Amino acid sequence: MEQLSKRQKNKNAVQLLLGSDVLVVESAKWSINKHITIQSWTVNYPEKSLPNQFGQIICPKAGFNHRAIQLMYLKHHLTVNSTAIVFTIYFEPEFLDQWDEQTLFSEEAFNENNAGLQVAFCPETQSVITELGQYATKTSFSEKLRQVELSLLLMRKAIDYVGATHDTYSVPACSFLNSNTERDKVLLAREILEEEFEQMVSIKELSRRVAINECYLKKGFKAMFGRTINEYQQQLRIAKAKRLLQTDGYTVSEVANTLGYSSISHFSTAFKKATNMKPCELLK
């Protein structure tokens, strides 16, 4: 880590995200390989004017028909001094040269006018960023490979998010999805499900929280993600159940209770339907 003892103004990712000069109190920069570089900054920022946590993807030009990718995230880290973390991952143009132009430029993220598009900042994204930050001083090949995996995961999530936000849906019943505002509501609903799936948020509650009609929410969700809201929640719960069952110390009963199932039999039935396995088969 590089400790900054005097007032320093950063003119790149920090200023792009926060829109003004701020006091950088700590920074770190490291390269995973010759194509991927990571930087992070801890900054002092007035709590009252601290913007919402968010992510952004920028695909700047790097010569004719060449693009780089920069992912940037702002994460609150409120302490007595009211600080925030700015985290960025830069993919060199040479990294993207592995794919042909048609493949790359079919993605909305590489649009000619992309001067910065917002991307999801869900709990999974936050977890990945936290893990990446712990690798700043790691140098073994295995540790570098893990950093590449995590960086690519963030890139894919960002590109998928941008694509979902800008797709035009032709399903007559979902013509309302042609509105950016309405699509954003459905995307927000998915983020809420990912954060609170253990509590099984009802469709009625979800529609109220994102301010959209229940019928529109159900139809729009299925059109955008190919699954019903209940199917999506169930998938998230089963995935969590699999992780817990493979963790030392958990019993089937404890997993079922943790995920809010009314009984072990209900959990076992749902688990077998989704995985063709009994929960006990995964116990470690």
Protein backbone atom coordinates (compact mmCIF):
# COMPACT_ATOMS: atom_id res chain seq x y z
CA MET A 1 0.00 0.00 0.00
CA GLU A 2 1.14 3.52 -0.73
CA GLN A 3 0.46 5.87 2.19
CA LEU A 4 -0.20 9.49 1.17
CA SER A 5 0.76 11.84 4.00
CA LYS A 6 -0.17 15.15 2.36
CA ARG A 7 -3.21 16.49 0.52
CA GLN A 8 -3.34 14.95 -2.94
CA LYS A 9 -5.84 15.59 -5.69
CA ASN A 10 -6.54 12.75 -8.08
CA LYS A 11 -7.63 13.61 -11.60
CA ASN A 12 -8.69 10.18 -12.90
CA ALA A 13 -11.14 7.62 -11.50
CA VAL A 14 -11.68 9.47 -8.23
CA GLN A 15 -12.66 12.68 -9.95
CA LEU A 16 -14.69 10.90 -12.64
CA LEU A 17 -16.82 9.18 -10.01
CA LEU A 18 -17.07 11.90 -7.38
CA GLY A 19 -17.09 14.87 -9.74
CA SER A 20 -14.67 16.96 -7.69
CA ASP A 21 -11.24 16.99 -6.16
CA VAL A 22 -11.07 15.06 -2.92
CA LEU A 23 -8.51 14.24 -0.28
CA VAL A 24 -6.88 10.87 -1.01
CA VAL A 25 -5.59 9.34 2.22
CA GLU A 26 -4.44 5.97 0.93
CA SER A 27 -3.92 4.33 -2.45
CA ALA A 28 -2.82 1.05 -3.97
CA LYS A 29 -1.96 -0.03 -7.51
CA TRP A 30 -0.96 -3.43 -8.82
CA SER A 31 -0.92 -5.35 -12.08
CA ILE A 32 -2.41 -8.82 -12.36
CA ASN A 33 -0.67 -9.34 -15.69
CA LYS A 34 0.36 -7.13 -18.61
CA HIS A 35 -3.27 -6.66 -19.62
CA ILE A 36 -5.08 -5.97 -16.32
CA THR A 37 -4.28 -3.28 -13.73
CA ILE A 38 -6.13 -2.56 -10.50
CA GLN A 39 -6.14 0.62 -8.44
CA SER A 40 -7.94 1.64 -5.28
CA TRP A 41 -8.17 4.85 -3.31
CA THR A 42 -9.49 5.62 0.15
CA VAL A 43 -10.80 9.17 0.07
CA ASN A 44 -12.17 11.66 2.56
CA TYR A 45 -15.50 12.98 1.38
CA PRO A 46 -18.15 14.97 3.28
CA GLU A 47 -20.78 12.51 4.44
CA LYS A 48 -23.65 14.87 3.66
CA SER A 49 -22.63 15.11 0.02
CA LEU A 50 -21.48 11.50 -0.43
CA PRO A 51 -23.23 10.08 -3.53
CA ASN A 52 -24.89 6.66 -3.65
CA GLN A 53 -22.69 3.62 -4.03
CA PHE A 54 -22.51 2.61 -7.66
CA GLY A 55 -20.45 1.14 -10.47
CA GLN A 56 -19.61 2.40 -13.94
CA ILE A 57 -18.14 0.97 -17.12
CA ILE A 58 -16.21 3.06 -19.64
CA CYS A 59 -14.87 1.71 -22.93
CA PRO A 60 -12.50 4.40 -24.22
CA LYS A 61 -11.16 4.33 -27.76
CA ALA A 62 -7.57 3.22 -28.20
CA GLY A 63 -6.99 3.73 -31.90
CA PHE A 64 -9.14 2.72 -34.85
CA ASN A 65 -11.70 0.07 -33.86
CA HIS A 66 -9.85 -0.66 -30.64
CA ARG A 67 -11.28 -0.31 -27.15
CA ALA A 68 -10.08 -0.62 -23.60
CA ILE A 69 -12.35 -1.29 -20.63
CA GLN A 70 -12.34 0.52 -17.32
CA LEU A 71 -14.61 -0.58 -14.47
CA MET A 72 -15.03 1.88 -11.63
CA TYR A 73 -16.84 1.45 -8.31
CA LEU A 74 -17.63 3.74 -5.41
CA LYS A 75 -18.13 2.02 -2.08
CA HIS A 76 -18.94 3.78 1.17
CA HIS A 77 -16.67 3.02 4.10
CA LEU A 78 -18.15 5.39 6.66
CA THR A 79 -16.00 5.91 9.74
CA VAL A 80 -15.40 8.81 12.09
CA ASN A 81 -13.63 10.53 9.19
CA SER A 82 -16.39 9.64 6.68
CA THR A 83 -14.45 7.90 3.94
CA ALA A 84 -15.24 6.09 0.71
CA ILE A 85 -13.38 3.56 -1.45
CA VAL A 86 -12.89 4.13 -5.17
CA PHE A 87 -11.92 0.91 -6.94
CA THR A 88 -11.03 0.57 -10.63
CA ILE A 89 -9.97 -2.24 -12.97
CA TYR A 90 -8.39 -1.38 -16.33
CA PHE A 91 -8.23 -3.86 -19.21
CA GLU A 92 -5.71 -2.92 -21.90
CA PRO A 93 -6.82 -2.85 -25.58
CA GLU A 94 -4.55 -5.84 -26.24
CA PHE A 95 -6.72 -7.90 -23.92
CA LEU A 96 -9.78 -7.28 -26.09
CA ASP A 97 -7.82 -8.04 -29.27
CA GLN A 98 -8.45 -11.71 -28.51
CA TRP A 99 -11.95 -11.26 -29.96
CA ASP A 100 -13.03 -10.10 -33.40
CA GLU A 101 -14.60 -6.68 -33.89
CA GLN A 102 -18.05 -8.05 -34.72
CA THR A 103 -18.21 -9.89 -31.40
CA LEU A 104 -17.09 -6.88 -29.38
CA PHE A 105 -19.05 -4.12 -31.06
CA SER A 106 -22.31 -6.06 -30.93
CA GLU A 107 -22.30 -5.29 -27.19
CA GLU A 108 -23.99 -2.09 -26.03
CA ALA A 109 -21.07 -1.40 -23.68
CA PHE A 110 -18.86 -0.69 -26.72
CA ASN A 111 -21.29 1.81 -28.17
CA GLU A 112 -19.70 4.78 -29.91
CA ASN A 113 -21.21 7.15 -27.36
CA ASN A 114 -20.22 5.29 -24.19
CA ALA A 115 -18.73 7.98 -21.99
CA GLY A 116 -19.66 6.05 -18.85
CA LEU A 117 -22.61 3.76 -18.18
CA GLN A 118 -23.87 2.81 -14.74
CA VAL A 119 -23.71 -0.87 -13.76
CA ALA A 120 -25.14 -2.89 -10.89
CA PHE A 121 -23.53 -2.68 -7.46
CA CYS A 122 -25.18 -5.74 -5.92
CA PRO A 123 -23.88 -7.71 -2.89
CA GLU A 124 -22.03 -10.18 -5.15
CA THR A 125 -20.18 -7.30 -6.82
CA GLN A 126 -19.25 -5.82 -3.45
CA SER A 127 -18.00 -9.21 -2.27
CA VAL A 128 -15.82 -9.65 -5.37
CA ILE A 129 -14.34 -6.16 -4.98
CA THR A 130 -13.55 -6.85 -1.32
CA GLU A 131 -11.79 -10.09 -2.24
CA LEU A 132 -9.81 -8.42 -5.01
CA GLY A 133 -8.67 -5.74 -2.59
CA GLN A 134 -7.19 -8.42 -0.37
CA TYR A 135 -4.88 -9.52 -3.19
CA ALA A 136 -2.90 -6.27 -3.48
CA THR A 137 0.29 -7.90 -2.18
CA LYS A 138 -0.30 -11.45 -3.47
CA THR A 139 2.16 -12.60 -6.11
CA SER A 140 1.89 -16.38 -6.63
CA PHE A 141 0.62 -17.69 -9.97
CA SER A 142 -2.43 -19.26 -8.33
CA GLU A 143 -3.28 -15.98 -6.61
CA LYS A 144 -2.87 -14.09 -9.88
CA LEU A 145 -5.21 -16.54 -11.62
CA ARG A 146 -7.82 -15.93 -8.95
CA GLN A 147 -7.53 -12.19 -9.53
CA VAL A 148 -8.06 -12.69 -13.26
CA GLU A 149 -11.17 -14.79 -12.56
CA LEU A 150 -12.64 -12.14 -10.27
CA SER A 151 -11.83 -9.29 -12.68
CA LEU A 152 -13.46 -11.12 -15.59
CA LEU A 153 -16.52 -11.84 -13.45
CA LEU A 154 -16.94 -8.12 -12.79
CA MET A 155 -16.46 -7.31 -16.47
CA ARG A 156 -19.08 -9.87 -17.55
CA LYS A 157 -21.59 -8.65 -14.96
CA ALA A 158 -21.10 -5.06 -16.11
CA ILE A 159 -21.47 -5.88 -19.82
CA ASP A 160 -24.53 -8.06 -19.16
CA TYR A 161 -26.11 -5.31 -17.06
CA VAL A 162 -25.61 -2.71 -19.79
CA GLY A 163 -26.99 -5.09 -22.41
CA ALA A 164 -30.09 -5.85 -20.34
CA THR A 165 -30.66 -2.14 -19.70
CA HIS A 166 -30.58 -1.21 -23.38
CA ASP A 167 -32.21 -4.18 -25.08
CA THR A 168 -35.43 -3.48 -26.97
CA TYR A 169 -38.10 -6.03 -26.16
CA SER A 170 -40.55 -7.03 -28.89
CA VAL A 171 -43.01 -8.95 -26.69
CA PRO A 172 -46.31 -7.00 -27.09
CA ALA A 173 -47.27 -7.50 -23.44
CA CYS A 174 -43.96 -5.95 -22.40
CA SER A 175 -43.86 -2.92 -24.66
CA PHE A 176 -43.50 -0.83 -21.48
CA LEU A 177 -39.94 -2.14 -21.25
CA ASN A 178 -38.99 0.17 -24.09
CA SER A 179 -38.89 2.84 -21.38
CA ASN A 180 -35.53 3.16 -19.62
CA THR A 181 -37.33 4.07 -16.40
CA GLU A 182 -39.47 0.93 -16.40
CA ARG A 183 -36.54 -1.35 -17.27
CA ASP A 184 -34.55 0.17 -14.41
CA LYS A 185 -37.40 -0.68 -12.02
CA VAL A 186 -37.28 -4.33 -13.08
CA LEU A 187 -33.49 -4.36 -12.74
CA LEU A 188 -33.82 -2.85 -9.28
CA ALA A 189 -36.30 -5.60 -8.38
CA ARG A 190 -33.68 -8.20 -9.33
CA GLU A 191 -31.07 -6.46 -7.16
CA ILE A 192 -33.45 -6.53 -4.19
CA LEU A 193 -34.06 -10.26 -4.72
CA GLU A 194 -30.32 -10.92 -4.82
CA GLU A 195 -29.81 -9.02 -1.56
CA GLU A 196 -32.82 -10.42 0.34
CA PHE A 197 -33.55 -13.82 -1.20
CA GLU A 198 -33.31 -15.57 2.18
CA GLN A 199 -36.46 -13.75 3.31
CA MET A 200 -38.46 -14.58 0.12
CA VAL A 201 -39.75 -11.10 -0.72
CA SER A 202 -43.35 -11.26 -1.95
CA ILE A 203 -44.23 -9.96 -5.39
CA LYS A 204 -46.65 -7.49 -3.81
CA GLU A 205 -43.91 -6.08 -1.55
CA LEU A 206 -41.39 -6.05 -4.40
CA SER A 207 -43.71 -4.15 -6.73
CA ARG A 208 -44.38 -1.59 -4.01
CA ARG A 209 -40.69 -1.02 -3.34
CA VAL A 210 -39.79 -0.47 -7.01
CA ALA A 211 -43.00 1.45 -7.76
CA ILE A 212 -44.36 -0.68 -10.59
CA ASN A 213 -47.63 -2.54 -11.16
CA GLU A 214 -47.48 -6.21 -10.01
CA CYS A 215 -48.60 -7.52 -13.39
CA TYR A 216 -46.03 -5.42 -15.24
CA LEU A 217 -43.32 -6.50 -12.83
CA LYS A 218 -44.06 -10.21 -13.32
CA LYS A 219 -44.24 -9.95 -17.11
CA GLY A 220 -41.24 -7.67 -17.38
CA PHE A 221 -39.10 -9.83 -15.11
CA LYS A 222 -39.87 -12.98 -17.12
CA ALA A 223 -39.15 -11.17 -20.40
CA MET A 224 -35.82 -9.76 -19.24
CA PHE A 225 -34.43 -12.72 -17.30
CA GLY A 226 -36.23 -15.74 -18.71
CA ARG A 227 -37.55 -16.83 -15.30
CA THR A 228 -40.42 -15.91 -13.05
CA ILE A 229 -39.69 -13.99 -9.86
CA ASN A 230 -40.40 -17.07 -7.75
CA GLU A 231 -38.14 -19.23 -9.93
CA TYR A 232 -35.36 -16.67 -9.61
CA GLN A 233 -35.67 -16.52 -5.82
CA GLN A 234 -35.72 -20.30 -5.62
CA GLN A 235 -32.58 -20.52 -7.73
CA LEU A 236 -30.78 -18.10 -5.43
CA ARG A 237 -31.86 -20.01 -2.34
CA ILE A 238 -30.83 -23.39 -3.74
CA ALA A 239 -27.43 -22.00 -4.75
CA LYS A 240 -26.93 -20.71 -1.19
CA ALA A 241 -28.12 -24.05 0.20
CA LYS A 242 -25.53 -25.92 -1.87
CA ARG A 243 -22.75 -23.70 -0.51
CA LEU A 244 -23.89 -24.18 3.08
CA LEU A 245 -24.27 -27.95 2.74
CA GLN A 246 -20.68 -28.15 1.52
CA THR A 247 -19.48 -26.17 4.55
CA ASP A 248 -18.31 -28.02 7.65
CA GLY A 249 -20.70 -27.93 10.59
CA TYR A 250 -24.04 -27.39 8.82
CA THR A 251 -26.86 -29.91 8.98
CA VAL A 252 -29.77 -30.18 6.56
CA SER A 253 -32.07 -28.86 9.27
CA GLU A 254 -29.86 -25.82 9.91
CA VAL A 255 -29.64 -25.00 6.21
CA ALA A 256 -33.42 -25.27 5.79
CA ASN A 257 -33.94 -23.01 8.80
CA THR A 258 -31.33 -20.49 7.65
CA LEU A 259 -33.06 -20.10 4.28
CA GLY A 260 -36.51 -19.77 5.79
CA TYR A 261 -38.10 -23.05 4.66
CA SER A 262 -41.13 -24.04 6.71
CA SER A 263 -39.90 -27.61 7.16
CA ILE A 264 -37.07 -29.96 6.26
CA SER A 265 -39.38 -31.92 3.94
CA HIS A 266 -40.34 -28.74 2.07
CA PHE A 267 -36.66 -27.84 1.69
CA SER A 268 -35.68 -31.36 0.61
CA THR A 269 -38.43 -31.47 -2.01
CA ALA A 270 -37.45 -28.09 -3.46
CA PHE A 271 -33.75 -28.99 -3.41
CA LYS A 272 -34.24 -32.33 -5.17
CA LYS A 273 -36.50 -30.75 -7.78
CA ALA A 274 -33.82 -28.19 -8.59
CA THR A 275 -30.72 -30.40 -8.43
CA ASN A 276 -31.91 -34.02 -8.77
CA MET A 277 -30.05 -34.65 -5.52
CA LYS A 278 -31.01 -35.02 -1.88
CA PRO A 279 -29.55 -32.36 0.42
CA CYS A 280 -27.80 -34.99 2.52
CA GLU A 281 -25.75 -36.05 -0.53
CA LEU A 282 -23.87 -32.75 -0.37
CA LEU A 283 -23.12 -32.75 3.33
CA LYS A 284 -19.40 -32.37 3.93
